[in-house]
């Protein structure tokens, strides 16, 4: 899983696009509350769906680049039915 510094490193386009979509969702939410309109609810839900999709793809791509964390891939042993890392 990528760390926070990996999420923002060299990702200005990601930050700009997601910030813009977040702003659209925020304004849509305010307008939804002020006008009691279901159309603005659709805008908010659509923006949230797009943000979720972008974030998921972004995290998957970063996870492929990230070096494995310490202990990743270590053999597991079962102790009282629960998996634990094998220590040597």
C-alpha atoms as a PDB file:
ATOM      1  CA  UNK A   1       0.000   0.000   0.000  1.00  0.00           C
ATOM      2  CA  UNK A   2       1.485   3.365  -0.947  1.00  0.00           C
ATOM      3  CA  UNK A   3       2.335   5.869   1.774  1.00  0.00           C
ATOM      4  CA  UNK A   4       0.991   9.434   1.748  1.00  0.00           C
ATOM      5  CA  UNK A   5       4.237  10.897   0.421  1.00  0.00           C
ATOM      6  CA  UNK A   6       4.071   8.436  -2.490  1.00  0.00           C
ATOM      7  CA  UNK A   7       0.505   9.516  -3.244  1.00  0.00           C
ATOM      8  CA  UNK A   8       1.446  13.149  -3.790  1.00  0.00           C
ATOM      9  CA  UNK A   9       4.946  12.699  -5.262  1.00  0.00           C
ATOM     10  CA  UNK A  10       4.918  13.514  -9.015  1.00  0.00           C
ATOM     11  CA  UNK A  11       1.123  13.516  -9.078  1.00  0.00           C
ATOM     12  CA  UNK A  12       0.170  17.129  -9.626  1.00  0.00           C
ATOM     13  CA  UNK A  13      -2.276  16.204 -12.385  1.00  0.00           C
ATOM     14  CA  UNK A  14      -3.972  13.693 -10.061  1.00  0.00           C
ATOM     15  CA  UNK A  15      -4.238  16.307  -7.309  1.00  0.00           C
ATOM     16  CA  UNK A  16      -5.542  18.981  -9.687  1.00  0.00           C
ATOM     17  CA  UNK A  17      -8.179  16.741 -11.283  1.00  0.00           C
ATOM     18  CA  UNK A  18      -9.421  15.255  -8.015  1.00  0.00           C
ATOM     19  CA  UNK A  19      -9.507  18.704  -6.388  1.00  0.00           C
ATOM     20  CA  UNK A  20     -11.589  20.053  -9.260  1.00  0.00           C
ATOM     21  CA  UNK A  21     -14.004  17.111  -9.088  1.00  0.00           C
ATOM     22  CA  UNK A  22     -14.181  17.540  -5.305  1.00  0.00           C
ATOM     23  CA  UNK A  23     -15.058  21.196  -5.777  1.00  0.00           C
ATOM     24  CA  UNK A  24     -17.832  20.207  -8.215  1.00  0.00           C
ATOM     25  CA  UNK A  25     -19.162  17.741  -5.625  1.00  0.00           C
ATOM     26  CA  UNK A  26     -19.036  20.389  -2.887  1.00  0.00           C
ATOM     27  CA  UNK A  27     -20.866  23.003  -4.954  1.00  0.00           C
ATOM     28  CA  UNK A  28     -23.364  20.377  -6.094  1.00  0.00           C
ATOM     29  CA  UNK A  29     -23.978  19.416  -2.467  1.00  0.00           C
ATOM     30  CA  UNK A  30     -24.582  23.015  -1.456  1.00  0.00           C
ATOM     31  CA  UNK A  31     -26.957  23.565  -4.368  1.00  0.00           C
ATOM     32  CA  UNK A  32     -28.723  20.304  -3.554  1.00  0.00           C
ATOM     33  CA  UNK A  33     -29.338  21.505   0.002  1.00  0.00           C
ATOM     34  CA  UNK A  34     -30.418  24.985  -1.059  1.00  0.00           C
ATOM     35  CA  UNK A  35     -32.749  23.933  -3.882  1.00  0.00           C
ATOM     36  CA  UNK A  36     -33.870  20.497  -2.625  1.00  0.00           C
ATOM     37  CA  UNK A  37     -33.179  19.212  -6.119  1.00  0.00           C
ATOM     38  CA  UNK A  38     -32.605  15.602  -6.985  1.00  0.00           C
ATOM     39  CA  UNK A  39     -30.595  16.649 -10.018  1.00  0.00           C
ATOM     40  CA  UNK A  40     -27.853  18.068  -7.818  1.00  0.00           C
ATOM     41  CA  UNK A  41     -27.863  14.850  -5.813  1.00  0.00           C
ATOM     42  CA  UNK A  42     -27.073  13.092  -9.088  1.00  0.00           C
ATOM     43  CA  UNK A  43     -24.174  15.481  -9.652  1.00  0.00           C
ATOM     44  CA  UNK A  44     -22.791  14.763  -6.172  1.00  0.00           C
ATOM     45  CA  UNK A  45     -23.171  10.995  -6.579  1.00  0.00           C
ATOM     46  CA  UNK A  46     -21.599  11.090 -10.045  1.00  0.00           C
ATOM     47  CA  UNK A  47     -18.635  13.117  -8.765  1.00  0.00           C
ATOM     48  CA  UNK A  48     -18.163  10.711  -5.866  1.00  0.00           C
ATOM     49  CA  UNK A  49     -18.240   7.751  -8.238  1.00  0.00           C
ATOM     50  CA  UNK A  50     -15.642   9.339 -10.505  1.00  0.00           C
ATOM     51  CA  UNK A  51     -13.444  10.200  -7.513  1.00  0.00           C
ATOM     52  CA  UNK A  52     -13.693   6.620  -6.256  1.00  0.00           C
ATOM     53  CA  UNK A  53     -12.736   5.231  -9.671  1.00  0.00           C
ATOM     54  CA  UNK A  54      -9.789   7.607 -10.099  1.00  0.00           C
ATOM     55  CA  UNK A  55      -8.507   6.916  -6.572  1.00  0.00           C
ATOM     56  CA  UNK A  56      -8.799   3.154  -7.037  1.00  0.00           C
ATOM     57  CA  UNK A  57      -6.869   3.189 -10.311  1.00  0.00           C
ATOM     58  CA  UNK A  58      -4.272   5.544  -8.833  1.00  0.00           C
ATOM     59  CA  UNK A  59      -3.703   3.316  -5.799  1.00  0.00           C
ATOM     60  CA  UNK A  60      -3.420   0.184  -7.932  1.00  0.00           C
ATOM     61  CA  UNK A  61      -0.821   1.816 -10.163  1.00  0.00           C
ATOM     62  CA  UNK A  62       1.161   3.057  -7.151  1.00  0.00           C
ATOM     63  CA  UNK A  63       0.996  -0.336  -5.463  1.00  0.00           C
ATOM     64  CA  UNK A  64       2.652  -1.869  -8.528  1.00  0.00           C
ATOM     65  CA  UNK A  65       5.506   0.666  -8.298  1.00  0.00           C
ATOM     66  CA  UNK A  66       5.990   0.573  -4.526  1.00  0.00           C
ATOM     67  CA  UNK A  67       8.728  -1.631  -3.113  1.00  0.00           C
ATOM     68  CA  UNK A  68       7.426  -4.505  -1.005  1.00  0.00           C
ATOM     69  CA  UNK A  69       7.022  -3.722   2.663  1.00  0.00           C
ATOM     70  CA  UNK A  70       9.254  -5.528   5.175  1.00  0.00           C
ATOM     71  CA  UNK A  71       7.943  -8.994   5.848  1.00  0.00           C
ATOM     72  CA  UNK A  72       5.878  -9.124   2.661  1.00  0.00           C
ATOM     73  CA  UNK A  73       5.765 -12.627   1.301  1.00  0.00           C
ATOM     74  CA  UNK A  74       7.085 -14.150   4.524  1.00  0.00           C
ATOM     75  CA  UNK A  75       5.800 -17.646   5.214  1.00  0.00           C
ATOM     76  CA  UNK A  76       2.857 -17.822   7.593  1.00  0.00           C
ATOM     77  CA  UNK A  77       2.292 -20.346  10.359  1.00  0.00           C
ATOM     78  CA  UNK A  78      -0.940 -21.045  12.202  1.00  0.00           C
ATOM     79  CA  UNK A  79      -1.078 -20.548  15.941  1.00  0.00           C
ATOM     80  CA  UNK A  80      -4.396 -21.489  17.515  1.00  0.00           C
ATOM     81  CA  UNK A  81      -6.171 -21.068  14.184  1.00  0.00           C
ATOM     82  CA  UNK A  82      -4.822 -17.596  13.458  1.00  0.00           C
ATOM     83  CA  UNK A  83      -2.126 -16.948  10.832  1.00  0.00           C
ATOM     84  CA  UNK A  84       1.069 -15.399  12.191  1.00  0.00           C
ATOM     85  CA  UNK A  85       4.423 -14.601  10.639  1.00  0.00           C
ATOM     86  CA  UNK A  86       7.076 -17.262  11.029  1.00  0.00           C
ATOM     87  CA  UNK A  87      10.102 -15.948  12.891  1.00  0.00           C
ATOM     88  CA  UNK A  88      13.513 -17.521  12.530  1.00  0.00           C
END
